[in-house]
Every structure is written in structure tokens, then in C-alpha cells.
Amino acid sequence: MTRSSRSIRAALVALAMMGAAHLAAAQSADAQLQQGVGSDVPAPAAPAPGGAPPEPPLPPGASVPLAAPSPPAAPPAAEPIPPAPPVVAPLVVAPPVAAPPAPVPPSVASPATASWDNVERVVTMGDLHGDYPKFVAMAQSAGLIDNRGDWIGGRTHFVQLGDIPDRGDETRKILDHLMRLEPQAKAAGGHIHALIGNHEAMNITGDLRYVSPGEYRAFVDLASARKRDAYFREVVRAIREGRGPGKSRVVDDAFRDEWERKHPLGFVEHRQAWATDGQYGRWIASHDAVIRINDTLYMHAGIGPAFPDAPREVINEAVRAALQSRPVPAFADILDHPEGPLWYRGFAINAETVESAHLASLLARHGVSRVVVGHTKRAAMVLPRFGGRVILTDIAVPAGYSDPHAFLVQENGALHAVHRGRRVPLDFSPTADPCGYFSAVAALDPPNAPTKRIVANCGAPGPANVAPASGTGQ
């Protein structure tokens, strides 16, 4: 047997050892889906001793109330902000030629503490979920890549907040493109920050509930049928030798048909690529879950009260260690804890009055002015909350509504969203109109777009009507 043959056999044996367990997990996932579990939830797990159980998922299409933006520095007894005027505020577009900025000191990187200072320009995109054309369109709109897909972003730092895989079919294309861009950006003085989201962790650890058929098909080659047959033989051997939870299964034609349905062509290659020593698993595990750039904290979901004092470097090492099946004892459940950096939804769905104290503590702990997250779809726009101290970038796209390809940019300290290719300033100064940003975004959207409801309710007493496209998790 050649060294290559031994390597393939070893990989297949490793896959076979988890084959019966995977079958049981797939059956459990199928049962959940048949019961109508449509939102993105961690795999079922017992709550940590003394800890609260995970929050129940919201039903698909549920509307989560959004508190009106908190005016910065408003006194506690201030009167409610008056409703926005009926005339939509005009979009302020940056002039095509701007005066050259004052000299900026070279950016200072501290990778050990996941922090970067003096960065002139940061482009941030939320969840992509296998939508390669969307990624390319936004990267070109942001001036990150040319029409050949090569880096032209110079010293820009590009932050992708995680959840590249699942649901869509072209995850491989996005990952391959980012892996190609990473050295190009570094050579130009820029940086690619591909943060770890819950779906990256799910793919690495084998929770495949949201992998689309197209993602498996992307791995199919001329040898796929032979590899799957070899894998099946190893699974059957494990069952007959009494290993794993499927040891009592009868291996017949019906079993084979069911097994092939749950393990389509490309499955073996997908699992090899997402292993911690595989092409994608290894690359993803080399990145961070939480970073600081200038005065902003970036992460996929958020950090809840269960992780209040953990430094960034501790969180990042705990996530990487857990992905590699060697969890840090103090944070053994960090990949699926509902208050961990890959899953927490409090900044997106909790009332601002409830969440403000925790948010203030987190900002002070990390020495930042704001948190930028993805993970939870709340509106069809980049959505500020807590007076701009939280910015949500996972964009909801309701049925019948075209994707606005919205993302966030921080340039020389100033923030703006890009919505349908147009710049919309985000101004959180005490004198700024809290509803002006919403009006400017809505002016770019077609009639009856969901953003119009936000404008209509902005500043009015009570919560604004912001409906996610499909539950809160995508």
C-alpha cells in the first residue's frame, strides 16, 4: 500500500468512526426540521451547571420589536423624540474628489491581543451564506477588488463577520477567493479578518443541518463515487464490529438507500476539507472570533453576561482550541453557549433598557466606542442600535425584496453604510437627527420596501416595526 493510499484509508477510517454517530445526528436534525424548527439554533445540549438554558428560537417570520434609537447624551427625563418630518431627508453623498487627509501614523498591529490601531479604512460585511455573487458585488463596490477579483484595497482592513458557509451553494468560491486575497492584501499593507461564526464552527465540528445540497456538489469529482463507496464500507464495518450508536442497525438495501440520501456525492470531500487539518478547517481555525480595530469591537454575534471579563486573546484561543477538539476547561462550551461570541443575540433583540448596562460594561472592558456584529437579521439595512454603540450588519431580505448589498465602512474615523451602491453617513453626534439615516436609506429603496416602515415609526413612542426576513437566525 502506498503512502498516499494509507493516507486516504486513514481519512476514511476516521470518517467511518463518526459515520454511525453522524447518521443518528442527521436523523435527529430531520426530525427537528419536520417539527418546524426553522431558525438557526445551537445543537441541543444540556445547559451549563448553574447557567440558564438557551433561549428558545423565535418562530420563522416573527417580528422582534426594535426600540427607537437612543439619542446620545439625552437626559433621563427627556421628552420623546418627535416623529420624523414627512419629507424624506435627502441622501448626502460624499463628493467625488475630497481634500487629501492629514498624514496618518502607520497602523499598529498587536495580533496577540487581536487589536489594530491607526487603521485608516475598515470595510465590514455580515453573513454571506454561500452567496458568491453578492460577495463579489459588494467587494467591488467597496473598492476591495478589481474586475479580475484581485486586491486593490491598499491598506484597507476587510472584516468579514463570519457565517460564510451553509444555506447557499457557493461557499467554496467565497473561501477560495478570500484565501487568494489574504496574501495580496498583506503585501499591500491591508488585512483580511475572516472572523469565526457559528456556521464555520458547525461545519468543522460536524453539525451539518444547514449544509445545502449545492455545497456538497461543489466537491464532486470523478473519484467521488469511489470515495463514498469506500466510506460506506468502513461505516458497515464499524456497525458489524459493534462500534457506535448504529451498531444494531440492519445493513440492507433500505439502509444503503437511506445512507446515500444523507451522504450525497461530495460528502466525503466536504468533511475532509472542513476537518481541522483540511483545506478550509485549518484556514478558518487560524483566524479570530473577536477583534478590536481602532475604537470598534468586531465579532460574529456578541458577548453575553456569561463571558463579561474574558480578554479577547483568551476568547480567541478558547474558540480555536475547541475547534481542534482540545477545549479550554474554563470555556469548554464556548462554541455553542447561547451567550458566547458565536451565538449571543442580546445586542440585536433585547430591549435597549435591559441590555444597556451590560453593553456599557463590555465597551469599557475592551476600551471601545461600539460593537459591530452580524448573526441576527433585524432589518433590510445596516442597523444601528443603542445610539450607534451597536451596529448590526446581517441584512434581512424579505421575499419579493431585492438584496440591497449593504455593508459598513469606517474611513478616517467617520462611519457610513453602503446601500444599493450609495454611501449613507452614520452620524451619532448629539445634534444629529436620529431618523435621518433611516430616511436616507429608505429613499434609495423601492416603494413599499420594509425600510419605509422604519422611517414611519422612527422617533414615535413605542417600538418600531422591524420584521426579520425569516426568524432571527440565518
Protein backbone atom coordinates (compact mmCIF):
# COMPACT_ATOMS: atom_id res chain seq x y z
CA MET A 1 0.00 0.00 0.00
CA THR A 2 1.45 3.37 -0.98
CA ARG A 3 1.79 6.28 1.44
CA SER A 4 -1.00 8.08 -0.46
CA SER A 5 -3.27 5.03 -0.18
CA ARG A 6 -2.56 4.75 3.54
CA SER A 7 -3.39 8.46 3.97
CA ILE A 8 -6.72 8.11 2.18
CA ARG A 9 -7.54 4.93 4.13
CA ALA A 10 -6.73 6.69 7.40
CA ALA A 11 -9.01 9.58 6.48
CA LEU A 12 -11.81 7.18 5.55
CA VAL A 13 -11.40 5.24 8.78
CA ALA A 14 -11.62 8.49 10.74
CA LEU A 15 -14.78 9.39 8.85
CA ALA A 16 -16.18 5.91 9.43
CA MET A 17 -15.64 6.21 13.16
CA MET A 18 -18.05 9.13 13.16
CA GLY A 19 -20.30 7.67 10.45
CA ALA A 20 -22.90 5.98 12.65
CA ALA A 21 -22.98 8.96 15.00
CA HIS A 22 -23.46 11.28 12.06
CA LEU A 23 -26.38 9.17 10.83
CA ALA A 24 -28.07 9.49 14.20
CA ALA A 25 -27.41 13.24 14.24
CA ALA A 26 -28.84 13.58 10.75
CA GLN A 27 -31.96 11.67 11.79
CA SER A 28 -32.34 13.97 14.79
CA ALA A 29 -31.94 17.03 12.56
CA ASP A 30 -34.53 15.66 10.13
CA ALA A 31 -36.96 15.17 12.99
CA GLN A 32 -36.41 18.75 14.18
CA LEU A 33 -36.99 20.15 10.72
CA GLN A 34 -40.19 18.11 10.36
CA GLN A 35 -41.40 19.63 13.62
CA GLY A 36 -40.93 23.11 12.13
CA VAL A 37 -37.64 24.20 13.69
CA GLY A 38 -36.64 26.76 11.09
CA SER A 39 -34.45 29.26 12.93
CA ASP A 40 -30.73 28.94 13.39
CA VAL A 41 -30.13 27.35 16.79
CA PRO A 42 -27.21 25.61 18.52
CA ALA A 43 -27.23 21.84 18.52
CA PRO A 44 -29.25 20.59 21.52
CA ALA A 45 -27.10 20.47 24.62
CA ALA A 46 -27.63 20.41 28.36
CA PRO A 47 -27.27 23.83 30.00
CA ALA A 48 -24.07 24.50 31.88
CA PRO A 49 -24.31 23.76 35.61
CA GLY A 50 -25.86 26.75 37.30
CA GLY A 51 -26.42 28.51 33.97
CA ALA A 52 -29.59 29.49 32.20
CA PRO A 53 -30.82 27.24 29.38
CA PRO A 54 -30.56 28.57 25.81
CA GLU A 55 -33.25 31.00 24.77
CA PRO A 56 -35.97 29.32 22.69
CA PRO A 57 -35.75 30.17 18.99
CA LEU A 58 -38.20 32.61 17.53
CA PRO A 59 -40.66 31.15 15.02
CA PRO A 60 -39.93 31.87 11.37
CA GLY A 61 -41.17 35.29 10.29
CA ALA A 62 -41.63 36.52 13.84
CA SER A 63 -41.30 40.27 14.30
CA VAL A 64 -38.97 41.36 17.06
CA PRO A 65 -39.70 44.88 18.37
CA LEU A 66 -36.90 47.36 17.86
CA ALA A 67 -36.58 50.18 20.31
CA ALA A 68 -36.25 53.60 18.69
CA PRO A 69 -32.63 54.82 18.51
CA SER A 70 -31.40 56.23 21.81
CA PRO A 71 -30.39 59.89 21.36
CA PRO A 72 -26.78 60.24 22.52
CA ALA A 73 -26.39 62.12 25.77
CA ALA A 74 -30.14 62.54 26.22
CA PRO A 75 -31.10 63.17 29.89
CA PRO A 76 -33.18 60.52 31.59
CA ALA A 77 -36.29 62.70 31.74
CA ALA A 78 -36.12 63.93 28.15
CA GLU A 79 -39.31 64.13 26.13
CA PRO A 80 -39.76 61.54 23.31
CA ILE A 81 -38.10 62.45 20.06
CA PRO A 82 -40.72 63.98 17.74
CA PRO A 83 -41.67 61.95 14.66
CA ALA A 84 -39.60 62.44 11.54
CA PRO A 85 -40.99 65.07 9.14
CA PRO A 86 -42.96 63.75 6.18
CA VAL A 87 -40.34 64.96 3.70
CA VAL A 88 -37.64 62.30 3.31
CA ALA A 89 -34.22 63.64 4.12
CA PRO A 90 -32.01 63.87 1.03
CA LEU A 91 -29.14 61.45 0.69
CA VAL A 92 -25.81 63.04 1.44
CA VAL A 93 -23.26 61.63 -0.98
CA ALA A 94 -19.57 62.23 -0.47
CA PRO A 95 -18.08 64.42 -3.26
CA PRO A 96 -16.07 62.53 -5.86
CA VAL A 97 -12.92 64.45 -5.06
CA ALA A 98 -12.03 65.15 -1.46
CA ALA A 99 -9.20 67.11 0.04
CA PRO A 100 -6.28 64.86 0.99
CA PRO A 101 -6.50 63.84 4.64
CA ALA A 102 -3.89 64.80 7.14
CA PRO A 103 -0.99 62.32 7.43
CA VAL A 104 -1.99 59.26 9.44
CA PRO A 105 0.55 57.29 11.50
CA PRO A 106 1.24 53.77 10.24
CA SER A 107 -1.25 51.22 11.53
CA VAL A 108 -0.08 49.37 14.59
CA ALA A 109 -0.94 45.68 14.89
CA SER A 110 -0.99 43.57 18.04
CA PRO A 111 -2.18 40.18 16.75
CA ALA A 112 -1.53 38.54 20.12
CA THR A 113 -4.25 40.71 21.64
CA ALA A 114 -6.33 40.81 18.44
CA SER A 115 -6.05 44.59 18.17
CA TRP A 116 -5.07 47.05 15.46
CA ASP A 117 -4.69 50.83 15.81
CA ASN A 118 -4.36 53.74 13.36
CA VAL A 119 -6.19 51.87 10.62
CA GLU A 120 -7.46 54.42 8.10
CA ARG A 121 -10.22 52.38 6.45
CA VAL A 122 -12.24 49.36 7.58
CA VAL A 123 -14.85 47.63 5.40
CA THR A 124 -17.21 45.25 7.22
CA MET A 125 -19.59 42.67 5.73
CA GLY A 126 -22.01 40.47 7.62
CA ASP A 127 -23.20 36.94 6.91
CA LEU A 128 -22.73 35.71 3.32
CA HIS A 129 -24.07 32.14 3.49
CA GLY A 130 -22.67 30.87 0.23
CA ASP A 131 -23.77 33.85 -1.90
CA TYR A 132 -20.66 34.36 -4.01
CA PRO A 133 -22.13 36.89 -6.50
CA LYS A 134 -23.20 39.06 -3.55
CA PHE A 135 -19.71 38.91 -2.05
CA VAL A 136 -18.07 39.88 -5.34
CA ALA A 137 -20.53 42.72 -5.98
CA MET A 138 -20.00 44.20 -2.51
CA ALA A 139 -16.22 43.77 -2.61
CA GLN A 140 -16.10 45.61 -5.94
CA SER A 141 -18.45 48.33 -4.66
CA ALA A 142 -16.17 48.78 -1.64
CA GLY A 143 -13.10 49.14 -3.86
CA LEU A 144 -11.51 45.99 -2.45
CA ILE A 145 -11.15 44.01 -5.70
CA ASP A 146 -10.90 44.73 -9.42
CA ASN A 147 -12.84 43.05 -12.20
CA ARG A 148 -10.38 40.13 -12.12
CA GLY A 149 -11.03 39.63 -8.43
CA ASP A 150 -7.59 40.80 -7.28
CA TRP A 151 -6.97 43.04 -4.27
CA ILE A 152 -6.93 46.79 -4.94
CA GLY A 153 -7.91 47.85 -1.42
CA GLY A 154 -4.44 49.03 -0.42
CA ARG A 155 -4.19 49.41 3.34
CA THR A 156 -7.88 48.75 3.94
CA HIS A 157 -8.78 46.20 6.60
CA PHE A 158 -11.61 43.96 5.43
CA VAL A 159 -13.65 42.37 8.22
CA GLN A 160 -15.97 39.52 7.30
CA LEU A 161 -18.00 38.75 10.42
CA GLY A 162 -18.41 35.01 9.84
CA ASP A 163 -21.14 32.70 8.56
CA ILE A 164 -19.70 32.25 5.09
CA PRO A 165 -20.97 28.63 4.79
CA ASP A 166 -24.38 26.94 4.74
CA ARG A 167 -27.73 27.69 3.10
CA GLY A 168 -26.16 28.91 -0.17
CA ASP A 169 -24.33 26.79 -2.72
CA GLU A 170 -21.09 28.69 -3.36
CA THR A 171 -19.27 28.67 -0.05
CA ARG A 172 -16.17 27.18 -1.67
CA LYS A 173 -15.90 30.06 -4.11
CA ILE A 174 -16.01 32.64 -1.31
CA LEU A 175 -13.46 30.79 0.82
CA ASP A 176 -11.12 30.21 -2.13
CA HIS A 177 -11.35 33.88 -3.08
CA LEU A 178 -10.63 35.09 0.47
CA MET A 179 -7.68 32.71 0.75
CA ARG A 180 -6.35 34.15 -2.51
CA LEU A 181 -6.89 37.75 -1.37
CA GLU A 182 -5.29 37.35 2.06
CA PRO A 183 -1.63 37.43 0.91
CA GLN A 184 -2.43 40.10 -1.68
CA ALA A 185 -3.90 42.38 0.99
CA LYS A 186 -0.99 41.76 3.34
CA ALA A 187 1.51 42.66 0.62
CA ALA A 188 -0.33 45.96 0.06
CA GLY A 189 -0.42 46.80 3.78
CA GLY A 190 -4.04 45.76 4.23
CA HIS A 191 -5.57 42.87 6.12
CA ILE A 192 -8.28 40.21 5.76
CA HIS A 193 -10.07 39.43 9.02
CA ALA A 194 -12.23 36.35 8.36
CA LEU A 195 -13.88 36.01 11.76
CA ILE A 196 -15.24 32.70 13.02
CA GLY A 197 -19.03 32.46 13.11
CA ASN A 198 -21.34 29.76 14.40
CA HIS A 199 -21.71 28.20 10.94
CA GLU A 200 -17.95 27.88 10.50
CA ALA A 201 -17.82 26.11 13.85
CA MET A 202 -20.78 23.89 12.93
CA ASN A 203 -19.14 22.75 9.70
CA ILE A 204 -15.84 21.99 11.41
CA THR A 205 -17.44 20.07 14.30
CA GLY A 206 -19.86 18.13 12.08
CA ASP A 207 -23.20 19.87 12.69
CA LEU A 208 -24.38 19.77 9.07
CA ARG A 209 -28.05 20.69 9.49
CA TYR A 210 -27.77 23.74 7.24
CA VAL A 211 -25.39 22.49 4.55
CA SER A 212 -27.13 22.90 1.19
CA PRO A 213 -27.04 20.14 -1.47
CA GLY A 214 -25.09 22.52 -3.68
CA GLU A 215 -22.29 22.76 -1.14
CA TYR A 216 -21.74 19.01 -1.37
CA ARG A 217 -21.99 19.12 -5.18
CA ALA A 218 -19.20 21.70 -5.24
CA PHE A 219 -16.80 18.97 -4.06
CA VAL A 220 -17.81 16.28 -6.56
CA ASP A 221 -15.13 14.98 -8.91
CA LEU A 222 -14.51 11.81 -10.93
CA ALA A 223 -13.41 9.92 -7.81
CA SER A 224 -16.35 10.91 -5.59
CA ALA A 225 -18.41 7.76 -6.11
CA ARG A 226 -15.42 5.55 -5.35
CA LYS A 227 -14.60 7.55 -2.20
CA ARG A 228 -18.18 7.36 -0.97
CA ASP A 229 -18.27 3.59 -1.59
CA ALA A 230 -15.08 3.18 0.43
CA TYR A 231 -16.54 5.30 3.21
CA PHE A 232 -19.73 3.22 3.22
CA ARG A 233 -17.72 0.02 3.54
CA GLU A 234 -15.93 1.46 6.57
CA VAL A 235 -19.27 2.50 8.11
CA VAL A 236 -20.65 -1.02 7.60
CA ARG A 237 -17.51 -2.48 9.15
CA ALA A 238 -17.90 -0.22 12.18
CA ILE A 239 -21.54 -1.30 12.59
CA ARG A 240 -20.72 -5.02 12.30
CA GLU A 241 -17.89 -4.67 14.78
CA GLY A 242 -20.32 -3.14 17.27
CA ARG A 243 -18.84 0.35 17.26
CA GLY A 244 -21.01 3.44 17.60
CA PRO A 245 -24.73 4.07 18.24
CA GLY A 246 -25.76 2.44 14.95
CA LYS A 247 -24.36 -0.99 15.86
CA SER A 248 -27.82 -2.57 15.98
CA ARG A 249 -28.86 -1.39 12.52
CA VAL A 250 -29.68 -3.96 9.85
CA VAL A 251 -27.50 -3.31 6.83
CA ASP A 252 -29.71 -3.95 3.82
CA ASP A 253 -30.72 -2.14 0.62
CA ALA A 254 -33.07 0.17 2.52
CA PHE A 255 -30.24 1.13 4.87
CA ARG A 256 -27.94 1.81 1.91
CA ASP A 257 -30.56 3.99 0.21
CA GLU A 258 -31.14 5.99 3.37
CA TRP A 259 -27.42 6.34 4.00
CA GLU A 260 -26.72 7.59 0.46
CA ARG A 261 -29.52 10.11 0.74
CA LYS A 262 -27.88 11.56 3.84
CA HIS A 263 -24.36 11.26 2.40
CA PRO A 264 -24.55 12.60 -1.16
CA LEU A 265 -21.62 12.59 -3.55
CA GLY A 266 -19.16 15.19 -2.33
CA PHE A 267 -19.89 14.48 1.34
CA VAL A 268 -16.55 12.74 1.98
CA GLU A 269 -14.58 15.52 0.32
CA HIS A 270 -16.60 18.16 2.21
CA ARG A 271 -15.80 16.55 5.54
CA GLN A 272 -12.12 16.21 4.68
CA ALA A 273 -11.89 19.87 3.62
CA TRP A 274 -13.62 21.07 6.80
CA ALA A 275 -11.53 18.92 9.15
CA THR A 276 -9.12 20.86 11.35
CA ASP A 277 -6.25 19.65 9.17
CA GLY A 278 -8.24 20.18 5.97
CA GLN A 279 -8.04 23.00 3.47
CA TYR A 280 -10.83 25.11 4.97
CA GLY A 281 -10.96 23.93 8.57
CA ARG A 282 -7.29 24.69 9.08
CA TRP A 283 -7.57 28.14 7.48
CA ILE A 284 -10.65 29.14 9.46
CA ALA A 285 -9.15 27.97 12.75
CA SER A 286 -6.14 30.23 12.10
CA HIS A 287 -8.36 33.31 12.45
CA ASP A 288 -10.04 35.09 15.36
CA ALA A 289 -13.54 35.27 16.76
CA VAL A 290 -13.23 38.73 18.36
CA ILE A 291 -11.00 41.63 17.31
CA ARG A 292 -10.57 45.32 18.01
CA ILE A 293 -9.73 47.82 15.26
CA ASN A 294 -9.31 51.41 16.41
CA ASP A 295 -12.33 52.16 18.65
CA THR A 296 -14.57 49.33 17.45
CA LEU A 297 -15.04 45.72 18.59
CA TYR A 298 -15.94 43.20 15.88
CA MET A 299 -17.37 39.71 16.33
CA HIS A 300 -19.95 37.44 14.75
CA ALA A 301 -22.75 37.57 17.32
CA GLY A 302 -21.95 39.33 20.57
CA ILE A 303 -20.72 38.57 24.08
CA GLY A 304 -23.27 37.95 26.81
CA PRO A 305 -23.03 38.30 30.59
CA ALA A 306 -21.62 34.77 30.89
CA PHE A 307 -18.32 35.99 29.39
CA PRO A 308 -18.04 39.52 30.83
CA ASP A 309 -14.36 39.75 31.72
CA ALA A 310 -12.67 37.38 29.27
CA PRO A 311 -9.93 39.15 27.29
CA ARG A 312 -10.05 38.89 23.51
CA GLU A 313 -6.96 36.72 23.29
CA VAL A 314 -8.46 34.26 25.81
CA ILE A 315 -11.73 34.06 23.88
CA ASN A 316 -9.93 33.55 20.59
CA GLU A 317 -7.68 30.84 21.92
CA ALA A 318 -10.63 29.08 23.55
CA VAL A 319 -12.56 29.10 20.25
CA ARG A 320 -9.58 27.79 18.28
CA ALA A 321 -8.85 25.12 20.87
CA ALA A 322 -12.47 23.94 20.91
CA LEU A 323 -12.47 23.71 17.10
CA GLN A 324 -9.45 21.44 17.39
CA SER A 325 -11.20 19.20 19.96
CA ARG A 326 -8.96 20.31 22.83
CA PRO A 327 -11.30 22.71 24.69
CA VAL A 328 -10.05 25.03 27.41
CA PRO A 329 -11.74 23.77 30.61
CA ALA A 330 -12.98 27.20 31.67
CA PHE A 331 -14.64 27.74 28.27
CA ALA A 332 -15.41 24.20 27.16
CA ASP A 333 -18.82 25.20 25.75
CA ILE A 334 -17.73 28.41 24.02
CA LEU A 335 -18.68 27.16 20.55
CA ASP A 336 -22.37 26.67 21.37
CA HIS A 337 -23.04 28.66 24.54
CA PRO A 338 -26.01 30.99 23.86
CA GLU A 339 -24.07 33.89 25.40
CA GLY A 340 -20.81 33.12 23.62
CA PRO A 341 -19.30 35.15 20.77
CA LEU A 342 -20.72 32.85 18.09
CA TRP A 343 -24.35 32.81 19.28
CA TYR A 344 -25.35 35.75 21.53
CA ARG A 345 -28.32 37.74 20.22
CA GLY A 346 -28.85 40.16 23.11
CA PHE A 347 -27.44 43.21 21.33
CA ALA A 348 -29.82 42.59 18.42
CA ILE A 349 -33.09 41.58 20.08
CA ASN A 350 -33.08 42.65 23.73
CA ALA A 351 -34.68 45.93 24.75
CA GLU A 352 -32.10 48.68 24.99
CA THR A 353 -33.16 49.47 28.56
CA VAL A 354 -32.43 45.85 29.51
CA GLU A 355 -29.14 45.48 27.67
CA SER A 356 -27.54 48.92 28.16
CA ALA A 357 -25.70 48.19 31.42
CA HIS A 358 -24.11 45.03 30.05
CA LEU A 359 -23.18 46.80 26.83
CA ALA A 360 -21.57 49.70 28.70
CA SER A 361 -19.52 47.24 30.76
CA LEU A 362 -18.34 45.38 27.66
CA LEU A 363 -17.34 48.58 25.84
CA ALA A 364 -15.39 49.75 28.88
CA ARG A 365 -13.72 46.35 29.27
CA HIS A 366 -12.38 46.46 25.72
CA GLY A 367 -11.79 50.22 25.55
CA VAL A 368 -14.04 50.78 22.53
CA SER A 369 -16.92 53.03 21.48
CA ARG A 370 -19.07 50.46 19.69
CA VAL A 371 -19.63 46.81 18.78
CA VAL A 372 -20.25 45.63 15.20
CA VAL A 373 -21.92 42.23 14.78
CA GLY A 374 -23.73 40.03 12.26
CA HIS A 375 -25.64 36.80 13.03
CA THR A 376 -29.14 38.23 13.60
CA LYS A 377 -31.33 39.64 10.84
CA ARG A 378 -33.37 42.59 12.07
CA ALA A 379 -33.84 44.88 9.08
CA ALA A 380 -33.13 45.27 5.38
CA MET A 381 -30.28 47.70 6.10
CA VAL A 382 -27.21 48.17 8.24
CA LEU A 383 -28.98 48.84 11.53
CA PRO A 384 -27.65 50.99 14.41
CA ARG A 385 -28.94 50.44 17.93
CA PHE A 386 -28.16 51.95 21.34
CA GLY A 387 -27.40 55.35 19.83
CA GLY A 388 -24.80 53.83 17.50
CA ARG A 389 -22.99 51.83 20.15
CA VAL A 390 -24.14 48.63 18.40
CA ILE A 391 -24.30 48.22 14.62
CA LEU A 392 -25.96 45.16 13.06
CA THR A 393 -24.74 44.09 9.63
CA ASP A 394 -26.65 40.87 8.91
CA ILE A 395 -29.13 42.09 6.30
CA ALA A 396 -32.69 40.74 6.16
CA VAL A 397 -34.05 40.24 2.65
CA PRO A 398 -37.81 39.58 2.76
CA ALA A 399 -39.43 37.68 -0.09
CA GLY A 400 -40.01 39.89 -3.11
CA TYR A 401 -37.42 42.44 -1.98
CA SER A 402 -34.08 42.72 -3.75
CA ASP A 403 -30.92 42.43 -1.65
CA PRO A 404 -29.54 45.95 -1.06
CA HIS A 405 -25.97 44.60 -0.75
CA ALA A 406 -25.48 46.73 2.33
CA PHE A 407 -22.26 46.88 4.33
CA LEU A 408 -20.42 49.18 6.75
CA VAL A 409 -17.35 51.38 6.19
CA GLN A 410 -15.28 53.33 8.70
CA GLU A 411 -12.95 55.78 7.00
CA ASN A 412 -10.68 58.19 8.86
CA GLY A 413 -12.93 57.84 11.88
CA ALA A 414 -16.21 58.55 10.06
CA LEU A 415 -18.85 55.85 9.59
CA HIS A 416 -21.10 55.28 6.62
CA ALA A 417 -23.19 52.44 5.25
CA VAL A 418 -23.22 51.49 1.60
CA HIS A 419 -26.77 50.68 0.49
CA ARG A 420 -27.51 49.80 -3.13
CA GLY A 421 -24.10 51.15 -4.04
CA ARG A 422 -24.65 54.57 -2.41
CA ARG A 423 -22.92 55.99 0.66
CA VAL A 424 -25.18 56.93 3.56
CA PRO A 425 -23.44 58.67 6.51
CA LEU A 426 -24.00 57.39 10.02
CA ASP A 427 -23.90 60.37 12.37
CA PHE A 428 -24.38 59.76 16.07
CA SER A 429 -23.42 63.22 17.30
CA PRO A 430 -25.75 64.89 19.84
CA THR A 431 -27.03 67.35 17.22
CA ALA A 432 -27.70 64.73 14.52
CA ASP A 433 -31.23 63.77 13.51
CA PRO A 434 -31.65 60.18 14.83
CA CYS A 435 -34.07 59.44 11.98
CA GLY A 436 -32.01 61.00 9.20
CA TYR A 437 -30.05 57.84 8.42
CA PHE A 438 -33.21 55.71 8.15
CA SER A 439 -34.82 58.27 5.86
CA ALA A 440 -31.76 58.42 3.62
CA VAL A 441 -31.64 54.61 3.29
CA ALA A 442 -35.38 54.34 2.63
CA ALA A 443 -35.07 56.96 -0.12
CA LEU A 444 -32.84 54.52 -2.03
CA ASP A 445 -35.32 51.65 -1.78
CA PRO A 446 -38.35 50.91 -3.97
CA PRO A 447 -41.88 51.83 -2.85
CA ASN A 448 -43.36 49.62 -0.14
CA ALA A 449 -39.90 48.44 0.92
CA PRO A 450 -39.68 47.35 4.58
CA THR A 451 -37.33 50.25 5.31
CA LYS A 452 -40.27 52.64 4.82
CA ARG A 453 -41.89 51.26 7.98
CA ILE A 454 -38.79 52.05 9.99
CA VAL A 455 -38.93 55.67 8.87
CA ALA A 456 -42.63 55.89 9.66
CA ASN A 457 -42.05 54.65 13.21
CA CYS A 458 -38.70 56.27 13.94
CA GLY A 459 -38.92 58.53 16.96
CA ALA A 460 -42.52 57.59 17.71
CA PRO A 461 -43.34 56.31 21.21
CA GLY A 462 -43.07 52.54 21.41
CA PRO A 463 -41.07 50.08 19.34
CA ALA A 464 -40.53 50.44 15.62
CA ASN A 465 -41.85 47.73 13.34
CA VAL A 466 -38.80 45.88 12.12
CA ALA A 467 -39.54 42.39 10.84
CA PRO A 468 -36.74 39.94 10.09
CA ALA A 469 -36.89 38.07 6.82
CA SER A 470 -37.13 34.61 8.40
CA GLY A 471 -36.80 34.39 12.15
CA THR A 472 -33.61 35.86 13.62
CA GLY A 473 -31.00 33.36 12.51
CA GLN A 474 -29.80 32.82 9.00
